[in-house]
Amino acid sequence: MTMNYKTLKLVVKNILFPGNRLSQKAISAGIWLGISRISNRALFFIRTILLARLLSPQEFGLFGIALIILSTLQTFSQPGTGEALIQKKEDITSYLNVAWTIKVIRGFLLAIILLILNPFLARFFHEPRTITLLYIISLSLIIGGLGNQGVLYFIKDLQFHKQFIYETISTLIDFIVSLILAFTIRNALALAYGYLAGILALSITSYFLHPYRPHFVVDLAKIKELSRFGRWVWSYTVLGFLLTQGVGFFIAKVLGTTILGLYQMALKLTGVVTTELAAVFGSIGFPLYSKLQKDIYKLREGYSKLLKINCLIITPISFLLLITSKQITFIMLGEKWKELPNLINLLSFCGLFMSISTINNTMLKSVGKPDLTSKIQSFKLLLLAISIFPISIHWGIYGVATLTLSIELIGLPLEFLLLGRKLNVGFFFYAKILLMPILSSFFMFVGLIIINYFFVLNINKTISLLIICIVGILQYFAYSLFFDKMFNYGLINFFNKQSIKRLLNILPS
């Protein structure tokens, strides 16, 4: 039965302007957040490709050093008040002024610290050009700290249509400024000024989109209350930063800025879809699970669906990256990035593992267990600290990339074990979710190797890439339908008309 105009209009209305039902809000949030992340990442991806043709890997590496320093200061001073306010079930209005005060003070202090350390950091990395970059970026700390704290309601109340506007304007400004300057000055300053312009746009936009107007308030009791949850968020954030940006810091110091530029570009290309999709699920899941934290059955059901969708989409992408890395590099970036395909191959599954980990950690934070995520991150960081130097000495950047991938893989069983105890699920719960997309993707990969060898080996790289992607998607879809029946995965149920209508509140639950 086809959907008539009246029903279609009701569907669109419920999606774009949901009622009070939590499932409606979750769907609407997912669609708006998906639109936001896709459009923002598309702009960022196009920006990266265009700038990569204008700037060398060394210029990207130089700006990468500045961002690592900035991220280090921001991460180690992260109070976690935002996550604490989102996780709170009661009204947070009385806490906003306190949170904004903390944010403003933090921004000014970090800017002063960065200005003081600037010359020493330039000598440490043997890159005097970072001094100018850090002067520019230090302004972003002050400007960002002055932003309107009321935008937290966009996430807490699942109002991601406002979050979409909030983020898109900033990304667009960054895109325009960076690109214009890259055509004229042809160095890393274009990236720095673009970043600063984006932060300025973010702060200004926040006051147009939310009516809350902050004022300076110091309330020690509220600060102490927020810090109880925030300290574990801080711990998790710091450890996660050391696992990711810490690797970049090590590469910049030991292997050089050019290698850092290659490594960061490989992470961007392998994570352009994978990490962004996980970020969508994480952004929706945190406030949603926080509202359901006392209902284990609904938590388990929601977690299962998010993990299934995540793996269904990201697993085949990881396999496709293995077979198309050379075409992607040649078509999008050009010859000066010719060493990139090997790194892409090594990191192709890193996005998949990180996306699963993001969903797991979001669930643990939502149910008030951020300490467990911190403990897992501590274990992973210990492995990294012990191994990274000897591995880099013997195998260089390829050894570091393999180590990064291995540590992410090692952490997943620990997350499954701890989360399984909380949700009362075991090995077969995870095996059923993971097995089908892995098998479908593997058979797709084998089929593409055969097709690539016999049919498209000598074809133009752009046409070859299109053929591989189209044939791969068709193969994956066919294998998925086959294994769906074999394992009773529930893939067909995702597209069941009655289920969708009930979820949108068109029909009675």
Protein backbone atom coordinates (compact mmCIF):
# COMPACT_ATOMS: atom_id res chain seq x y z
CA MET A 1 0.00 0.00 0.00
CA THR A 2 1.51 3.27 -1.07
CA MET A 3 1.74 6.17 1.35
CA ASN A 4 -0.71 8.96 0.43
CA TYR A 5 0.05 12.68 0.54
CA LYS A 6 -1.58 13.24 3.94
CA THR A 7 0.39 10.43 5.55
CA LEU A 8 3.64 11.60 3.92
CA LYS A 9 3.02 15.13 5.18
CA LEU A 10 2.49 13.76 8.70
CA VAL A 11 5.70 11.74 8.48
CA VAL A 12 7.72 14.82 7.44
CA LYS A 13 6.10 16.91 10.18
CA ASN A 14 6.89 14.31 12.85
CA ILE A 15 10.47 14.04 11.67
CA LEU A 16 11.25 17.74 11.36
CA PHE A 17 9.08 18.97 14.24
CA PRO A 18 8.67 16.06 16.67
CA GLY A 19 6.20 15.93 19.54
CA ASN A 20 6.95 14.92 23.09
CA ARG A 21 7.39 11.23 22.41
CA LEU A 22 11.01 10.20 22.98
CA SER A 23 11.19 7.91 19.94
CA GLN A 24 10.00 10.77 17.72
CA LYS A 25 12.60 13.09 19.20
CA ALA A 26 15.30 10.47 18.69
CA ILE A 27 14.39 9.96 15.01
CA SER A 28 14.16 13.68 14.35
CA ALA A 29 17.47 14.22 16.16
CA GLY A 30 19.09 11.46 14.15
CA ILE A 31 17.95 12.91 10.83
CA TRP A 32 18.93 16.49 11.70
CA LEU A 33 22.25 15.39 13.17
CA GLY A 34 22.89 13.21 10.14
CA ILE A 35 22.21 16.16 7.85
CA SER A 36 24.47 18.32 10.02
CA ARG A 37 27.37 15.88 10.14
CA ILE A 38 27.12 14.95 6.47
CA SER A 39 26.99 18.56 5.26
CA ASN A 40 29.73 19.69 7.64
CA ARG A 41 31.96 16.74 6.84
CA ALA A 42 31.31 17.21 3.12
CA LEU A 43 32.46 20.81 3.40
CA PHE A 44 35.44 19.76 5.50
CA PHE A 45 36.31 16.96 3.09
CA ILE A 46 36.11 19.22 0.03
CA ARG A 47 38.13 21.83 1.92
CA THR A 48 40.79 19.23 2.77
CA ILE A 49 41.04 17.98 -0.81
CA LEU A 50 41.29 21.48 -2.29
CA LEU A 51 43.82 22.64 0.29
CA ALA A 52 45.86 19.45 -0.16
CA ARG A 53 46.33 20.43 -3.81
CA LEU A 54 47.40 23.95 -2.83
CA LEU A 55 49.52 23.14 0.23
CA SER A 56 52.24 20.55 0.81
CA PRO A 57 52.22 17.76 3.46
CA GLN A 58 54.76 19.85 5.39
CA GLU A 59 52.32 22.80 5.67
CA PHE A 60 49.58 20.45 6.89
CA GLY A 61 52.04 18.97 9.38
CA LEU A 62 53.02 22.44 10.59
CA PHE A 63 49.40 23.36 11.28
CA GLY A 64 48.98 19.89 12.78
CA ILE A 65 51.59 20.75 15.41
CA ALA A 66 49.68 23.93 16.31
CA LEU A 67 46.43 21.97 16.65
CA ILE A 68 48.08 19.31 18.80
CA ILE A 69 49.37 22.00 21.18
CA LEU A 70 45.94 23.66 21.25
CA SER A 71 44.18 20.33 21.84
CA THR A 72 46.61 19.49 24.63
CA LEU A 73 45.78 22.66 26.54
CA GLN A 74 42.04 22.30 25.95
CA THR A 75 41.92 18.64 26.88
CA PHE A 76 43.93 18.81 30.09
CA SER A 77 41.85 21.76 31.28
CA GLN A 78 38.49 20.26 30.23
CA PRO A 79 36.17 20.53 33.27
CA GLY A 80 33.51 18.17 31.86
CA THR A 81 30.70 20.52 32.91
CA GLY A 82 28.92 20.23 29.56
CA GLU A 83 28.60 16.44 29.78
CA ALA A 84 27.61 16.71 33.44
CA LEU A 85 24.75 19.11 32.59
CA ILE A 86 23.54 16.96 29.68
CA GLN A 87 23.57 13.84 31.86
CA LYS A 88 21.56 15.50 34.68
CA LYS A 89 17.88 14.52 34.56
CA GLU A 90 16.63 17.63 36.40
CA ASP A 91 16.51 21.23 35.10
CA ILE A 92 19.95 22.77 34.53
CA THR A 93 19.02 26.46 34.21
CA SER A 94 20.51 27.40 37.60
CA TYR A 95 23.83 25.83 36.59
CA LEU A 96 24.36 27.62 33.26
CA ASN A 97 25.93 30.81 34.66
CA VAL A 98 28.38 28.77 36.72
CA ALA A 99 29.32 26.66 33.70
CA TRP A 100 29.75 29.77 31.53
CA THR A 101 31.94 31.44 34.18
CA ILE A 102 34.21 28.40 34.29
CA LYS A 103 34.39 28.41 30.49
CA VAL A 104 35.35 32.09 30.25
CA ILE A 105 38.04 31.91 32.95
CA ARG A 106 39.45 28.79 31.36
CA GLY A 107 39.64 30.45 27.92
CA PHE A 108 41.60 33.47 29.16
CA LEU A 109 43.98 31.38 31.29
CA LEU A 110 44.74 28.99 28.43
CA ALA A 111 45.43 31.88 26.04
CA ILE A 112 47.92 33.39 28.52
CA ILE A 113 49.62 30.02 29.06
CA LEU A 114 49.92 29.45 25.32
CA LEU A 115 51.46 32.90 24.75
CA ILE A 116 54.04 32.26 27.48
CA LEU A 117 54.96 28.80 26.20
CA ASN A 118 54.96 29.76 22.52
CA PRO A 119 58.73 30.36 22.02
CA PHE A 120 59.68 27.25 24.01
CA LEU A 121 57.30 25.07 21.98
CA ALA A 122 58.75 26.36 18.72
CA ARG A 123 62.26 25.38 19.85
CA PHE A 124 61.04 22.00 21.08
CA PHE A 125 59.61 21.08 17.66
CA HIS A 126 62.43 22.86 15.76
CA GLU A 127 59.76 24.79 13.84
CA PRO A 128 60.02 28.58 14.37
CA ARG A 129 57.04 29.15 12.05
CA THR A 130 54.69 27.71 14.68
CA ILE A 131 55.13 30.92 16.73
CA THR A 132 52.91 32.94 14.39
CA LEU A 133 50.38 30.12 14.13
CA LEU A 134 50.07 29.83 17.90
CA TYR A 135 49.60 33.59 18.32
CA ILE A 136 46.63 33.39 15.95
CA ILE A 137 45.19 30.25 17.56
CA SER A 138 45.52 31.64 21.10
CA LEU A 139 42.78 34.16 20.21
CA SER A 140 40.42 31.26 19.51
CA LEU A 141 40.67 30.17 23.15
CA ILE A 142 39.33 33.51 24.38
CA ILE A 143 36.68 33.84 21.68
CA GLY A 144 35.50 30.24 22.11
CA GLY A 145 35.23 30.66 25.88
CA LEU A 146 32.81 33.57 25.45
CA GLY A 147 30.28 31.47 23.53
CA ASN A 148 26.71 31.08 24.80
CA GLN A 149 26.37 28.13 27.19
CA GLY A 150 22.66 27.89 26.36
CA VAL A 151 23.49 25.85 23.25
CA LEU A 152 23.82 22.82 25.57
CA TYR A 153 20.02 22.59 25.37
CA PHE A 154 20.31 21.73 21.67
CA ILE A 155 21.89 18.41 22.65
CA LYS A 156 20.15 17.84 25.99
CA ASP A 157 16.67 18.31 24.46
CA LEU A 158 17.59 16.61 21.15
CA GLN A 159 17.05 19.87 19.21
CA PHE A 160 19.57 19.04 16.52
CA HIS A 161 17.93 21.21 13.87
CA LYS A 162 19.36 24.16 15.84
CA GLN A 163 22.66 22.34 16.32
CA PHE A 164 22.79 21.93 12.53
CA ILE A 165 22.60 25.71 11.96
CA TYR A 166 25.05 26.34 14.81
CA GLU A 167 27.75 24.06 13.39
CA THR A 168 27.21 24.63 9.68
CA ILE A 169 27.76 28.39 9.78
CA SER A 170 31.09 27.92 11.55
CA THR A 171 32.26 25.21 9.12
CA LEU A 172 31.25 27.32 6.13
CA ILE A 173 33.16 30.36 7.36
CA ASP A 174 36.25 28.23 8.04
CA PHE A 175 35.94 26.73 4.54
CA ILE A 176 35.66 30.08 2.76
CA VAL A 177 38.42 31.89 4.67
CA SER A 178 40.91 28.98 4.48
CA LEU A 179 40.39 28.49 0.77
CA ILE A 180 40.66 32.18 -0.17
CA LEU A 181 43.85 32.61 1.84
CA ALA A 182 45.36 29.36 0.54
CA PHE A 183 45.11 30.70 -3.01
CA THR A 184 46.97 33.86 -1.99
CA ILE A 185 49.55 33.05 0.72
CA ARG A 186 50.04 29.30 0.04
CA ASN A 187 51.12 28.31 3.56
CA ALA A 188 49.82 27.09 6.93
CA LEU A 189 48.65 30.60 7.94
CA ALA A 190 45.62 30.04 5.71
CA LEU A 191 44.56 27.11 7.89
CA ALA A 192 45.14 29.08 11.11
CA TYR A 193 43.11 32.13 10.02
CA GLY A 194 40.34 29.87 8.73
CA TYR A 195 40.19 28.06 12.07
CA LEU A 196 40.02 31.37 13.98
CA ALA A 197 37.25 32.67 11.72
CA GLY A 198 35.25 29.49 12.30
CA ILE A 199 35.51 29.81 16.10
CA LEU A 200 34.46 33.47 15.93
CA ALA A 201 31.41 32.54 13.84
CA LEU A 202 30.56 29.77 16.33
CA SER A 203 30.52 32.13 19.31
CA ILE A 204 28.51 34.85 17.54
CA THR A 205 25.96 32.37 16.19
CA SER A 206 25.38 30.89 19.66
CA TYR A 207 23.84 34.17 20.85
CA PHE A 208 21.50 34.42 17.87
CA LEU A 209 20.23 30.86 18.27
CA HIS A 210 19.53 30.73 22.02
CA PRO A 211 17.87 33.38 24.23
CA TYR A 212 19.95 32.63 27.33
CA ARG A 213 22.25 35.52 28.24
CA PRO A 214 25.05 34.58 30.64
CA HIS A 215 26.54 36.55 33.49
CA PHE A 216 29.48 35.98 35.78
CA VAL A 217 28.63 33.78 38.82
CA VAL A 218 30.88 31.83 41.19
CA ASP A 219 28.99 29.19 43.18
CA LEU A 220 31.35 26.74 44.88
CA ALA A 221 28.58 24.29 45.79
CA LYS A 222 27.44 23.92 42.18
CA ILE A 223 31.02 23.74 40.92
CA LYS A 224 31.71 20.90 43.35
CA GLU A 225 28.53 19.07 42.29
CA LEU A 226 29.36 19.29 38.59
CA SER A 227 32.94 18.21 39.21
CA ARG A 228 31.84 14.85 40.65
CA PHE A 229 30.70 13.68 37.22
CA GLY A 230 33.05 15.97 35.33
CA ARG A 231 36.23 14.53 36.81
CA TRP A 232 35.58 11.15 35.21
CA VAL A 233 34.69 12.82 31.92
CA TRP A 234 37.94 14.78 32.21
CA SER A 235 39.86 11.57 32.88
CA TYR A 236 38.29 9.79 29.91
CA THR A 237 38.84 12.82 27.64
CA VAL A 238 42.49 13.21 28.62
CA LEU A 239 43.23 9.53 28.16
CA GLY A 240 41.44 9.48 24.80
CA PHE A 241 43.42 12.53 23.74
CA LEU A 242 46.74 10.93 24.69
CA LEU A 243 45.81 7.86 22.66
CA THR A 244 45.07 9.90 19.53
CA GLN A 245 46.83 13.26 19.62
CA GLY A 246 49.64 11.82 21.72
CA VAL A 247 50.59 9.70 18.72
CA GLY A 248 50.64 12.82 16.54
CA PHE A 249 52.78 14.63 19.10
CA PHE A 250 55.26 11.73 19.07
CA ILE A 251 55.35 11.63 15.25
CA ALA A 252 55.94 15.38 15.01
CA LYS A 253 58.88 15.22 17.44
CA VAL A 254 60.53 11.97 16.31
CA LEU A 255 59.56 11.49 12.64
CA GLY A 256 59.01 15.10 11.47
CA THR A 257 56.25 17.40 10.21
CA THR A 258 55.99 15.84 6.73
CA ILE A 259 55.30 12.39 8.21
CA LEU A 260 52.80 13.97 10.61
CA GLY A 261 50.98 15.57 7.65
CA LEU A 262 50.75 12.17 5.91
CA TYR A 263 49.51 10.43 9.08
CA GLN A 264 46.85 13.04 9.81
CA MET A 265 45.65 13.01 6.20
CA ALA A 266 45.32 9.21 6.33
CA LEU A 267 43.24 9.48 9.50
CA LYS A 268 41.01 12.13 7.90
CA LEU A 269 40.36 10.06 4.78
CA THR A 270 39.74 6.80 6.65
CA GLY A 271 37.55 8.54 9.21
CA VAL A 272 35.57 10.87 6.95
CA VAL A 273 32.55 8.54 7.12
CA THR A 274 33.33 6.11 9.92
CA THR A 275 34.07 8.45 12.80
CA GLU A 276 31.41 10.91 11.69
CA LEU A 277 28.67 8.29 11.72
CA ALA A 278 29.82 7.17 15.17
CA ALA A 279 29.78 10.79 16.29
CA VAL A 280 26.16 11.07 15.14
CA PHE A 281 25.21 7.98 17.15
CA GLY A 282 27.21 9.20 20.13
CA SER A 283 25.64 12.66 20.08
CA ILE A 284 22.14 11.21 19.93
CA GLY A 285 22.87 8.31 22.25
CA PHE A 286 24.27 10.30 25.17
CA PRO A 287 21.21 12.46 25.92
CA LEU A 288 18.81 9.68 24.84
CA TYR A 289 20.38 6.97 27.00
CA SER A 290 20.67 9.41 29.88
CA LYS A 291 16.88 9.74 29.84
CA LEU A 292 16.49 5.94 29.79
CA GLN A 293 19.28 5.06 32.21
CA LYS A 294 16.94 3.26 34.66
CA ASP A 295 15.30 1.05 31.99
CA ILE A 296 17.76 -1.74 31.17
CA TYR A 297 15.49 -3.34 28.56
CA LYS A 298 15.16 -0.15 26.50
CA LEU A 299 18.86 0.61 26.91
CA ARG A 300 19.77 -2.84 25.59
CA GLU A 301 17.35 -2.57 22.69
CA GLY A 302 18.54 0.91 21.69
CA TYR A 303 22.21 -0.05 22.01
CA SER A 304 21.67 -3.15 19.87
CA LYS A 305 20.04 -1.14 17.06
CA LEU A 306 22.72 1.57 17.05
CA LEU A 307 25.52 -0.99 17.01
CA LYS A 308 23.86 -2.93 14.18
CA ILE A 309 23.37 0.16 12.00
CA ASN A 310 26.91 1.34 12.74
CA CYS A 311 28.50 -1.98 11.76
CA LEU A 312 26.25 -2.48 8.72
CA ILE A 313 27.43 0.82 7.25
CA ILE A 314 31.04 1.15 8.41
CA THR A 315 32.32 -2.43 7.98
CA PRO A 316 32.00 -2.48 4.16
CA ILE A 317 33.50 1.02 3.96
CA SER A 318 36.60 -0.25 5.78
CA PHE A 319 36.99 -3.11 3.30
CA LEU A 320 36.42 -0.76 0.34
CA LEU A 321 39.22 1.51 1.57
CA LEU A 322 41.63 -1.42 1.37
CA ILE A 323 41.04 -1.90 -2.33
CA THR A 324 40.62 1.74 -3.44
CA SER A 325 43.36 3.55 -1.49
CA LYS A 326 45.54 4.16 -4.56
CA GLN A 327 42.69 5.48 -6.68
CA ILE A 328 41.45 7.73 -3.87
CA THR A 329 44.92 9.21 -3.32
CA PHE A 330 45.67 9.77 -7.01
CA ILE A 331 42.26 11.25 -7.89
CA MET A 332 41.75 13.46 -4.82
CA LEU A 333 45.21 14.53 -3.70
CA GLY A 334 47.73 14.11 -6.51
CA GLU A 335 51.25 12.74 -6.86
CA LYS A 336 52.83 14.57 -3.90
CA TRP A 337 50.78 12.32 -1.57
CA LYS A 338 51.95 9.10 -3.24
CA GLU A 339 53.11 7.56 0.08
CA LEU A 340 49.60 7.80 1.51
CA PRO A 341 47.94 4.56 0.21
CA ASN A 342 50.01 2.28 2.44
CA LEU A 343 48.98 4.30 5.51
CA ILE A 344 45.34 4.25 4.43
CA ASN A 345 45.50 0.46 4.12
CA LEU A 346 46.90 0.11 7.64
CA LEU A 347 44.36 2.50 9.16
CA SER A 348 41.31 1.45 7.13
CA PHE A 349 39.82 -0.57 10.01
CA CYS A 350 40.81 1.95 12.67
CA GLY A 351 37.64 3.94 11.96
CA LEU A 352 35.47 0.85 12.42
CA PHE A 353 37.03 -0.04 15.78
CA MET A 354 36.87 3.58 16.97
CA SER A 355 33.22 3.90 15.94
CA ILE A 356 32.24 0.82 17.96
CA SER A 357 34.26 2.10 20.90
CA THR A 358 32.51 5.49 20.67
CA ILE A 359 29.10 3.86 20.98
CA ASN A 360 30.27 1.67 23.88
CA ASN A 361 31.75 4.60 25.78
CA THR A 362 28.67 6.74 25.12
CA MET A 363 26.53 4.04 26.70
CA LEU A 364 28.78 3.79 29.77
CA LYS A 365 28.78 7.57 30.27
CA SER A 366 25.01 7.75 29.84
CA VAL A 367 24.37 5.28 32.64
CA GLY A 368 26.71 7.14 34.98
CA LYS A 369 29.76 4.89 34.57
CA PRO A 370 32.41 7.12 32.95
CA ASP A 371 34.97 5.63 35.37
CA LEU A 372 34.87 2.35 33.43
CA THR A 373 35.74 4.09 30.16
CA SER A 374 38.63 5.82 31.92
CA LYS A 375 40.01 2.50 33.15
CA ILE A 376 39.89 1.00 29.66
CA GLN A 377 41.59 4.07 28.20
CA SER A 378 44.30 3.83 30.88
CA PHE A 379 45.06 0.26 29.84
CA LYS A 380 45.26 1.20 26.16
CA LEU A 381 47.48 4.19 26.93
CA LEU A 382 49.85 1.98 28.91
CA LEU A 383 50.23 -0.35 25.93
CA LEU A 384 50.90 2.63 23.65
CA ALA A 385 53.48 4.21 25.97
CA ILE A 386 55.42 0.96 26.30
CA SER A 387 55.42 0.11 22.59
CA ILE A 388 55.48 3.25 20.46
CA PHE A 389 59.15 4.21 20.69
CA PRO A 390 60.76 0.81 19.91
CA ILE A 391 58.20 0.13 17.17
CA SER A 392 58.80 3.54 15.52
CA ILE A 393 62.56 2.95 15.59
CA HIS A 394 62.29 -0.37 13.76
CA TRP A 395 59.28 0.16 11.45
CA GLY A 396 58.75 3.94 11.29
CA ILE A 397 55.34 5.42 10.59
CA TYR A 398 53.93 2.11 9.33
CA GLY A 399 54.76 0.47 12.63
CA VAL A 400 53.08 3.34 14.52
CA ALA A 401 49.95 3.03 12.36
CA THR A 402 49.80 -0.73 12.96
CA LEU A 403 50.22 -0.16 16.70
CA THR A 404 47.35 2.37 16.70
CA LEU A 405 45.09 -0.13 14.97
CA SER A 406 46.09 -3.00 17.29
CA ILE A 407 45.44 -1.03 20.49
CA GLU A 408 41.94 -0.05 19.32
CA LEU A 409 41.20 -3.70 18.56
CA ILE A 410 42.50 -4.88 21.95
CA GLY A 411 40.26 -2.43 23.81
CA LEU A 412 36.99 -3.66 22.26
CA PRO A 413 36.68 -6.98 24.18
CA LEU A 414 37.16 -5.11 27.46
CA GLU A 415 34.40 -2.64 26.57
CA PHE A 416 32.07 -5.47 25.54
CA LEU A 417 32.74 -7.31 28.80
CA LEU A 418 32.07 -4.33 31.08
CA LEU A 419 29.06 -3.13 29.10
CA GLY A 420 27.72 -6.68 28.84
CA ARG A 421 27.61 -6.92 32.63
CA LYS A 422 25.71 -3.65 32.85
CA LEU A 423 23.16 -4.64 30.18
CA ASN A 424 23.06 -8.33 31.07
CA VAL A 425 24.24 -9.55 27.65
CA GLY A 426 26.97 -11.99 26.68
CA PHE A 427 29.20 -13.21 23.86
CA PHE A 428 26.43 -14.33 21.51
CA PHE A 429 24.74 -10.92 21.69
CA TYR A 430 27.83 -9.28 20.19
CA ALA A 431 28.66 -12.17 17.85
CA LYS A 432 25.22 -11.96 16.24
CA ILE A 433 25.60 -8.22 15.66
CA LEU A 434 29.16 -8.33 14.28
CA LEU A 435 29.25 -11.58 12.29
CA MET A 436 26.90 -10.71 9.43
CA PRO A 437 28.46 -7.39 8.31
CA ILE A 438 31.95 -8.90 8.60
CA LEU A 439 31.08 -11.94 6.45
CA SER A 440 29.19 -9.85 3.88
CA SER A 441 32.06 -7.37 3.64
CA PHE A 442 34.69 -10.10 3.34
CA PHE A 443 32.91 -11.84 0.46
CA MET A 444 32.40 -8.44 -1.17
CA PHE A 445 36.13 -7.76 -0.81
CA VAL A 446 37.10 -11.09 -2.41
CA GLY A 447 34.72 -10.46 -5.30
CA LEU A 448 36.16 -6.98 -5.86
CA ILE A 449 39.73 -8.29 -5.91
CA ILE A 450 38.75 -10.68 -8.72
CA ILE A 451 36.88 -7.97 -10.64
CA ASN A 452 39.71 -5.47 -10.14
CA TYR A 453 42.32 -7.94 -11.42
CA PHE A 454 40.51 -9.20 -14.49
CA PHE A 455 38.36 -6.30 -15.64
CA VAL A 456 39.35 -2.84 -14.39
CA LEU A 457 43.12 -3.12 -13.89
CA ASN A 458 44.01 -0.94 -16.90
CA ILE A 459 40.98 1.36 -16.89
CA ASN A 460 41.13 5.04 -15.98
CA LYS A 461 41.46 5.38 -12.19
CA THR A 462 38.33 7.50 -11.78
CA ILE A 463 36.18 5.05 -13.75
CA SER A 464 37.80 2.15 -11.92
CA LEU A 465 36.94 3.72 -8.55
CA LEU A 466 33.30 4.22 -9.57
CA ILE A 467 32.98 0.64 -10.85
CA ILE A 468 34.49 -0.83 -7.69
CA CYS A 469 32.24 1.23 -5.41
CA ILE A 470 29.02 0.49 -7.33
CA VAL A 471 29.72 -3.24 -7.73
CA GLY A 472 30.89 -3.44 -4.11
CA ILE A 473 27.68 -1.88 -2.79
CA LEU A 474 25.53 -4.24 -4.87
CA GLN A 475 27.51 -7.27 -3.72
CA TYR A 476 27.38 -6.22 -0.09
CA PHE A 477 23.63 -5.68 -0.24
CA ALA A 478 23.10 -9.13 -1.81
CA TYR A 479 25.30 -10.92 0.72
CA SER A 480 23.64 -9.04 3.57
CA LEU A 481 20.19 -10.21 2.51
CA PHE A 482 21.47 -13.79 2.30
CA PHE A 483 23.11 -13.74 5.75
CA ASP A 484 20.15 -11.84 7.21
CA LYS A 485 17.98 -14.90 6.61
CA MET A 486 20.68 -17.27 7.84
CA PHE A 487 21.38 -15.47 11.14
CA ASN A 488 17.97 -13.83 11.67
CA TYR A 489 19.77 -10.50 11.95
CA GLY A 490 16.64 -8.39 11.61
CA LEU A 491 17.83 -6.32 8.65
CA ILE A 492 14.43 -6.41 6.94
CA ASN A 493 12.79 -5.14 10.13
CA PHE A 494 14.74 -1.89 9.83
CA PHE A 495 12.71 -1.10 6.71
CA ASN A 496 9.37 -2.54 7.82
CA LYS A 497 6.64 0.01 6.99
CA GLN A 498 4.53 -0.77 10.04
CA SER A 499 7.54 -0.43 12.38
CA ILE A 500 8.48 2.92 10.88
CA LYS A 501 4.92 4.23 11.12
CA ARG A 502 4.55 3.15 14.73
CA LEU A 503 7.89 4.69 15.61
CA LEU A 504 6.79 7.98 14.10
CA ASN A 505 3.57 7.78 16.13
CA ILE A 506 1.42 7.60 12.98
CA LEU A 507 -0.11 4.37 14.19
CA PRO A 508 -0.73 3.34 17.82
CA SER A 509 2.28 1.70 19.52
